[in-house]
Amino acid sequence: MAAKAKARTLIVRLISTAQTGFFYSTQRLRQGARLSAVKYDPLVKRRVLFVESKKTKKG
């Protein structure tokens, strides 16, 4: 039986560097570089840097 193919995309979390716990979920290519983006954080009411971490599945 053949092995299951890996998906071309990953689901990742972009976590706020303002340490509010706010995050965005998005997709990126598996071979691409790690994502970072300046996006709006409603808890501090301003745009801040968001950096990537892998999305974890809950048990």
PDB file of N, CA and C in Angstrom:
ATOM      1  N   MET A   1       0.845  -1.175   0.000  1.00  0.00           N
ATOM      2  CA  MET A   1       0.000   0.000   0.000  1.00  0.00           C
ATOM      3  C   MET A   1       0.891   1.239   0.000  1.00  0.00           C
ATOM      4  N   ALA A   2       0.558   2.201  -0.821  1.00  0.00           N
ATOM      5  CA  ALA A   2       1.376   3.409  -0.953  1.00  0.00           C
ATOM      6  C   ALA A   2       1.184   4.329   0.249  1.00  0.00           C
ATOM      7  N   ALA A   3       2.234   5.080   0.563  1.00  0.00           N
ATOM      8  CA  ALA A   3       2.169   6.036   1.662  1.00  0.00           C
ATOM      9  C   ALA A   3       1.285   7.226   1.262  1.00  0.00           C
ATOM     10  N   LYS A   4       0.663   7.835   2.243  1.00  0.00           N
ATOM     11  CA  LYS A   4      -0.200   8.981   1.997  1.00  0.00           C
ATOM     12  C   LYS A   4       0.654  10.200   1.636  1.00  0.00           C
ATOM     13  N   ALA A   5       0.247  10.928   0.608  1.00  0.00           N
ATOM     14  CA  ALA A   5       0.997  12.106   0.168  1.00  0.00           C
ATOM     15  C   ALA A   5       0.787  13.259   1.150  1.00  0.00           C
ATOM     16  N   LYS A   6       1.821  14.076   1.325  1.00  0.00           N
ATOM     17  CA  LYS A   6       1.714  15.247   2.192  1.00  0.00           C
ATOM     18  C   LYS A   6       1.031  16.378   1.447  1.00  0.00           C
ATOM     19  N   ALA A   7       0.290  17.161   2.179  1.00  0.00           N
ATOM     20  CA  ALA A   7      -0.389  18.310   1.591  1.00  0.00           C
ATOM     21  C   ALA A   7       0.634  19.357   1.156  1.00  0.00           C
ATOM     22  N   ARG A   8       0.299  20.119   0.130  1.00  0.00           N
ATOM     23  CA  ARG A   8       1.204  21.171  -0.351  1.00  0.00           C
ATOM     24  C   ARG A   8       1.185  22.390   0.557  1.00  0.00           C
ATOM     25  N   THR A   9       0.124  22.553   1.330  1.00  0.00           N
ATOM     26  CA  THR A   9       0.009  23.717   2.201  1.00  0.00           C
ATOM     27  C   THR A   9      -0.065  23.306   3.664  1.00  0.00           C
ATOM     28  N   LEU A  10       0.325  24.232   4.526  1.00  0.00           N
ATOM     29  CA  LEU A  10       0.224  24.045   5.967  1.00  0.00           C
ATOM     30  C   LEU A  10      -0.710  25.103   6.532  1.00  0.00           C
ATOM     31  N   ILE A  11      -1.418  24.763   7.592  1.00  0.00           N
ATOM     32  CA  ILE A  11      -2.194  25.759   8.314  1.00  0.00           C
ATOM     33  C   ILE A  11      -1.307  26.250   9.452  1.00  0.00           C
ATOM     34  N   VAL A  12      -1.120  27.557   9.519  1.00  0.00           N
ATOM     35  CA  VAL A  12      -0.247  28.140  10.541  1.00  0.00           C
ATOM     36  C   VAL A  12      -0.997  29.236  11.285  1.00  0.00           C
ATOM     37  N   ARG A  13      -0.504  29.553  12.469  1.00  0.00           N
ATOM     38  CA  ARG A  13      -1.037  30.660  13.256  1.00  0.00           C
ATOM     39  C   ARG A  13      -0.062  31.817  13.178  1.00  0.00           C
ATOM     40  N   LEU A  14      -0.591  33.000  12.977  1.00  0.00           N
ATOM     41  CA  LEU A  14       0.204  34.217  13.090  1.00  0.00           C
ATOM     42  C   LEU A  14      -0.127  34.809  14.452  1.00  0.00           C
ATOM     43  N   ILE A  15       0.852  34.800  15.374  1.00  0.00           N
ATOM     44  CA  ILE A  15       0.626  35.211  16.754  1.00  0.00           C
ATOM     45  C   ILE A  15       1.155  36.624  16.963  1.00  0.00           C
ATOM     46  N   SER A  16       0.412  37.437  17.657  1.00  0.00           N
ATOM     47  CA  SER A  16       0.769  38.830  17.908  1.00  0.00           C
ATOM     48  C   SER A  16       2.016  38.924  18.779  1.00  0.00           C
ATOM     49  N   THR A  17       2.931  39.819  18.405  1.00  0.00           N
ATOM     50  CA  THR A  17       4.125  40.049  19.224  1.00  0.00           C
ATOM     51  C   THR A  17       3.836  41.011  20.369  1.00  0.00           C
ATOM     52  N   ALA A  18       2.616  41.550  20.433  1.00  0.00           N
ATOM     53  CA  ALA A  18       2.214  42.394  21.555  1.00  0.00           C
ATOM     54  C   ALA A  18       1.854  41.536  22.771  1.00  0.00           C
ATOM     55  N   GLN A  19       1.922  40.225  22.627  1.00  0.00           N
ATOM     56  CA  GLN A  19       1.667  39.243  23.684  1.00  0.00           C
ATOM     57  C   GLN A  19       0.272  39.372  24.280  1.00  0.00           C
ATOM     58  N   THR A  20      -0.700  39.602  23.404  1.00  0.00           N
ATOM     59  CA  THR A  20      -2.092  39.670  23.844  1.00  0.00           C
ATOM     60  C   THR A  20      -2.791  38.324  23.712  1.00  0.00           C
ATOM     61  N   GLY A  21      -2.173  37.383  22.996  1.00  0.00           N
ATOM     62  CA  GLY A  21      -2.803  36.098  22.761  1.00  0.00           C
ATOM     63  C   GLY A  21      -3.660  36.077  21.514  1.00  0.00           C
ATOM     64  N   PHE A  22      -3.789  37.211  20.844  1.00  0.00           N
ATOM     65  CA  PHE A  22      -4.590  37.282  19.624  1.00  0.00           C
ATOM     66  C   PHE A  22      -3.799  36.673  18.473  1.00  0.00           C
ATOM     67  N   PHE A  23      -4.510  35.951  17.574  1.00  0.00           N
ATOM     68  CA  PHE A  23      -3.836  35.316  16.446  1.00  0.00           C
ATOM     69  C   PHE A  23      -4.751  35.279  15.239  1.00  0.00           C
ATOM     70  N   TYR A  24      -4.142  35.138  14.077  1.00  0.00           N
ATOM     71  CA  TYR A  24      -4.826  34.875  12.821  1.00  0.00           C
ATOM     72  C   TYR A  24      -4.406  33.487  12.366  1.00  0.00           C
ATOM     73  N   SER A  25      -5.309  32.746  11.730  1.00  0.00           N
ATOM     74  CA  SER A  25      -4.961  31.471  11.110  1.00  0.00           C
ATOM     75  C   SER A  25      -4.917  31.670   9.604  1.00  0.00           C
ATOM     76  N   THR A  26      -3.926  31.074   8.951  1.00  0.00           N
ATOM     77  CA  THR A  26      -3.785  31.219   7.511  1.00  0.00           C
ATOM     78  C   THR A  26      -3.064  29.998   6.958  1.00  0.00           C
ATOM     79  N   GLN A  27      -2.984  29.924   5.648  1.00  0.00           N
ATOM     80  CA  GLN A  27      -2.274  28.839   4.985  1.00  0.00           C
ATOM     81  C   GLN A  27      -1.030  29.380   4.311  1.00  0.00           C
ATOM     82  N   ARG A  28      -0.006  28.523   4.206  1.00  0.00           N
ATOM     83  CA  ARG A  28       1.170  28.876   3.433  1.00  0.00           C
ATOM     84  C   ARG A  28       1.690  27.619   2.765  1.00  0.00           C
ATOM     85  N   LEU A  29       2.515  27.790   1.746  1.00  0.00           N
ATOM     86  CA  LEU A  29       3.109  26.637   1.077  1.00  0.00           C
ATOM     87  C   LEU A  29       4.079  25.935   2.011  1.00  0.00           C
ATOM     88  N   ARG A  30       4.162  24.631   1.879  1.00  0.00           N
ATOM     89  CA  ARG A  30       5.033  23.840   2.741  1.00  0.00           C
ATOM     90  C   ARG A  30       6.497  24.243   2.585  1.00  0.00           C
ATOM     91  N   GLN A  31       6.935  24.559   1.352  1.00  0.00           N
ATOM     92  CA  GLN A  31       8.335  24.869   1.112  1.00  0.00           C
ATOM     93  C   GLN A  31       8.649  26.349   1.258  1.00  0.00           C
ATOM     94  N   GLY A  32       7.671  27.173   1.525  1.00  0.00           N
ATOM     95  CA  GLY A  32       7.898  28.604   1.639  1.00  0.00           C
ATOM     96  C   GLY A  32       8.606  28.965   2.937  1.00  0.00           C
ATOM     97  N   ALA A  33       9.061  30.205   3.017  1.00  0.00           N
ATOM     98  CA  ALA A  33       9.707  30.704   4.225  1.00  0.00           C
ATOM     99  C   ALA A  33       8.650  30.964   5.304  1.00  0.00           C
ATOM    100  N   ARG A  34       9.110  31.120   6.539  1.00  0.00           N
ATOM    101  CA  ARG A  34       8.185  31.405   7.637  1.00  0.00           C
ATOM    102  C   ARG A  34       7.537  32.764   7.433  1.00  0.00           C
ATOM    103  N   LEU A  35       6.266  32.847   7.790  1.00  0.00           N
ATOM    104  CA  LEU A  35       5.515  34.078   7.573  1.00  0.00           C
ATOM    105  C   LEU A  35       5.677  35.058   8.733  1.00  0.00           C
ATOM    106  N   SER A  36       5.670  36.311   8.406  1.00  0.00           N
ATOM    107  CA  SER A  36       5.502  37.373   9.391  1.00  0.00           C
ATOM    108  C   SER A  36       4.783  38.500   8.667  1.00  0.00           C
ATOM    109  N   ALA A  37       3.922  39.194   9.364  1.00  0.00           N
ATOM    110  CA  ALA A  37       3.124  40.240   8.735  1.00  0.00           C
ATOM    111  C   ALA A  37       2.723  41.273   9.786  1.00  0.00           C
ATOM    112  N   VAL A  38       2.540  42.500   9.335  1.00  0.00           N
ATOM    113  CA  VAL A  38       2.016  43.546  10.202  1.00  0.00           C
ATOM    114  C   VAL A  38       0.512  43.566   9.987  1.00  0.00           C
ATOM    115  N   LYS A  39      -0.234  43.259  11.050  1.00  0.00           N
ATOM    116  CA  LYS A  39      -1.685  43.192  10.979  1.00  0.00           C
ATOM    117  C   LYS A  39      -2.278  43.882  12.204  1.00  0.00           C
ATOM    118  N   TYR A  40      -3.577  44.057  12.175  1.00  0.00           N
ATOM    119  CA  TYR A  40      -4.277  44.762  13.255  1.00  0.00           C
ATOM    120  C   TYR A  40      -4.552  43.829  14.428  1.00  0.00           C
ATOM    121  N   ASP A  41      -4.201  44.276  15.631  1.00  0.00           N
ATOM    122  CA  ASP A  41      -4.510  43.551  16.865  1.00  0.00           C
ATOM    123  C   ASP A  41      -5.577  44.349  17.614  1.00  0.00           C
ATOM    124  N   PRO A  42      -6.812  43.872  17.654  1.00  0.00           N
ATOM    125  CA  PRO A  42      -7.896  44.647  18.270  1.00  0.00           C
ATOM    126  C   PRO A  42      -7.760  44.801  19.780  1.00  0.00           C
ATOM    127  N   LEU A  43      -6.965  43.985  20.442  1.00  0.00           N
ATOM    128  CA  LEU A  43      -6.830  44.099  21.888  1.00  0.00           C
ATOM    129  C   LEU A  43      -5.965  45.291  22.291  1.00  0.00           C
ATOM    130  N   VAL A  44      -5.017  45.675  21.441  1.00  0.00           N
ATOM    131  CA  VAL A  44      -4.212  46.876  21.709  1.00  0.00           C
ATOM    132  C   VAL A  44      -4.601  48.025  20.780  1.00  0.00           C
ATOM    133  N   LYS A  45      -5.534  47.762  19.873  1.00  0.00           N
ATOM    134  CA  LYS A  45      -6.091  48.745  18.943  1.00  0.00           C
ATOM    135  C   LYS A  45      -5.022  49.410  18.078  1.00  0.00           C
ATOM    136  N   ARG A  46      -4.102  48.600  17.559  1.00  0.00           N
ATOM    137  CA  ARG A  46      -3.092  49.110  16.637  1.00  0.00           C
ATOM    138  C   ARG A  46      -2.522  47.970  15.815  1.00  0.00           C
ATOM    139  N   ARG A  47      -1.756  48.337  14.792  1.00  0.00           N
ATOM    140  CA  ARG A  47      -1.114  47.326  13.965  1.00  0.00           C
ATOM    141  C   ARG A  47       0.192  46.905  14.618  1.00  0.00           C
ATOM    142  N   VAL A  48       0.418  45.588  14.707  1.00  0.00           N
ATOM    143  CA  VAL A  48       1.641  45.049  15.302  1.00  0.00           C
ATOM    144  C   VAL A  48       2.154  43.917  14.425  1.00  0.00           C
ATOM    145  N   LEU A  49       3.352  43.482  14.699  1.00  0.00           N
ATOM    146  CA  LEU A  49       3.959  42.377  13.962  1.00  0.00           C
ATOM    147  C   LEU A  49       3.382  41.056  14.453  1.00  0.00           C
ATOM    148  N   PHE A  50       3.000  40.201  13.512  1.00  0.00           N
ATOM    149  CA  PHE A  50       2.534  38.855  13.807  1.00  0.00           C
ATOM    150  C   PHE A  50       3.545  37.881  13.214  1.00  0.00           C
ATOM    151  N   VAL A  51       3.947  36.867  13.973  1.00  0.00           N
ATOM    152  CA  VAL A  51       4.916  35.882  13.499  1.00  0.00           C
ATOM    153  C   VAL A  51       4.274  34.501  13.514  1.00  0.00           C
ATOM    154  N   GLU A  52       4.815  33.630  12.692  1.00  0.00           N
ATOM    155  CA  GLU A  52       4.238  32.305  12.479  1.00  0.00           C
ATOM    156  C   GLU A  52       4.600  31.317  13.579  1.00  0.00           C
ATOM    157  N   SER A  53       3.646  30.485  13.922  1.00  0.00           N
ATOM    158  CA  SER A  53       3.885  29.271  14.694  1.00  0.00           C
ATOM    159  C   SER A  53       2.959  28.210  14.122  1.00  0.00           C
ATOM    160  N   LYS A  54       3.312  26.953  14.284  1.00  0.00           N
ATOM    161  CA  LYS A  54       2.473  25.895  13.724  1.00  0.00           C
ATOM    162  C   LYS A  54       1.160  25.803  14.481  1.00  0.00           C
ATOM    163  N   LYS A  55       0.112  25.507  13.761  1.00  0.00           N
ATOM    164  CA  LYS A  55      -1.201  25.322  14.383  1.00  0.00           C
ATOM    165  C   LYS A  55      -1.214  23.932  15.013  1.00  0.00           C
ATOM    166  N   THR A  56      -1.611  23.836  16.263  1.00  0.00           N
ATOM    167  CA  THR A  56      -1.647  22.549  16.957  1.00  0.00           C
ATOM    168  C   THR A  56      -3.054  21.993  16.930  1.00  0.00           C
ATOM    169  N   LYS A  57      -3.152  20.688  16.791  1.00  0.00           N
ATOM    170  CA  LYS A  57      -4.453  20.023  16.822  1.00  0.00           C
ATOM    171  C   LYS A  57      -4.770  19.668  18.261  1.00  0.00           C
ATOM    172  N   LYS A  58      -5.990  19.922  18.643  1.00  0.00           N
ATOM    173  CA  LYS A  58      -6.420  19.547  19.988  1.00  0.00           C
ATOM    174  C   LYS A  58      -6.895  18.103  19.955  1.00  0.00           C
ATOM    175  N   GLY A  59      -6.357  17.318  20.876  1.00  0.00           N
ATOM    176  CA  GLY A  59      -6.523  15.915  21.035  1.00  0.00           C
ATOM    177  C   GLY A  59      -7.701  15.240  20.625  1.00  0.00           C
TER     178      GLY A  59
END
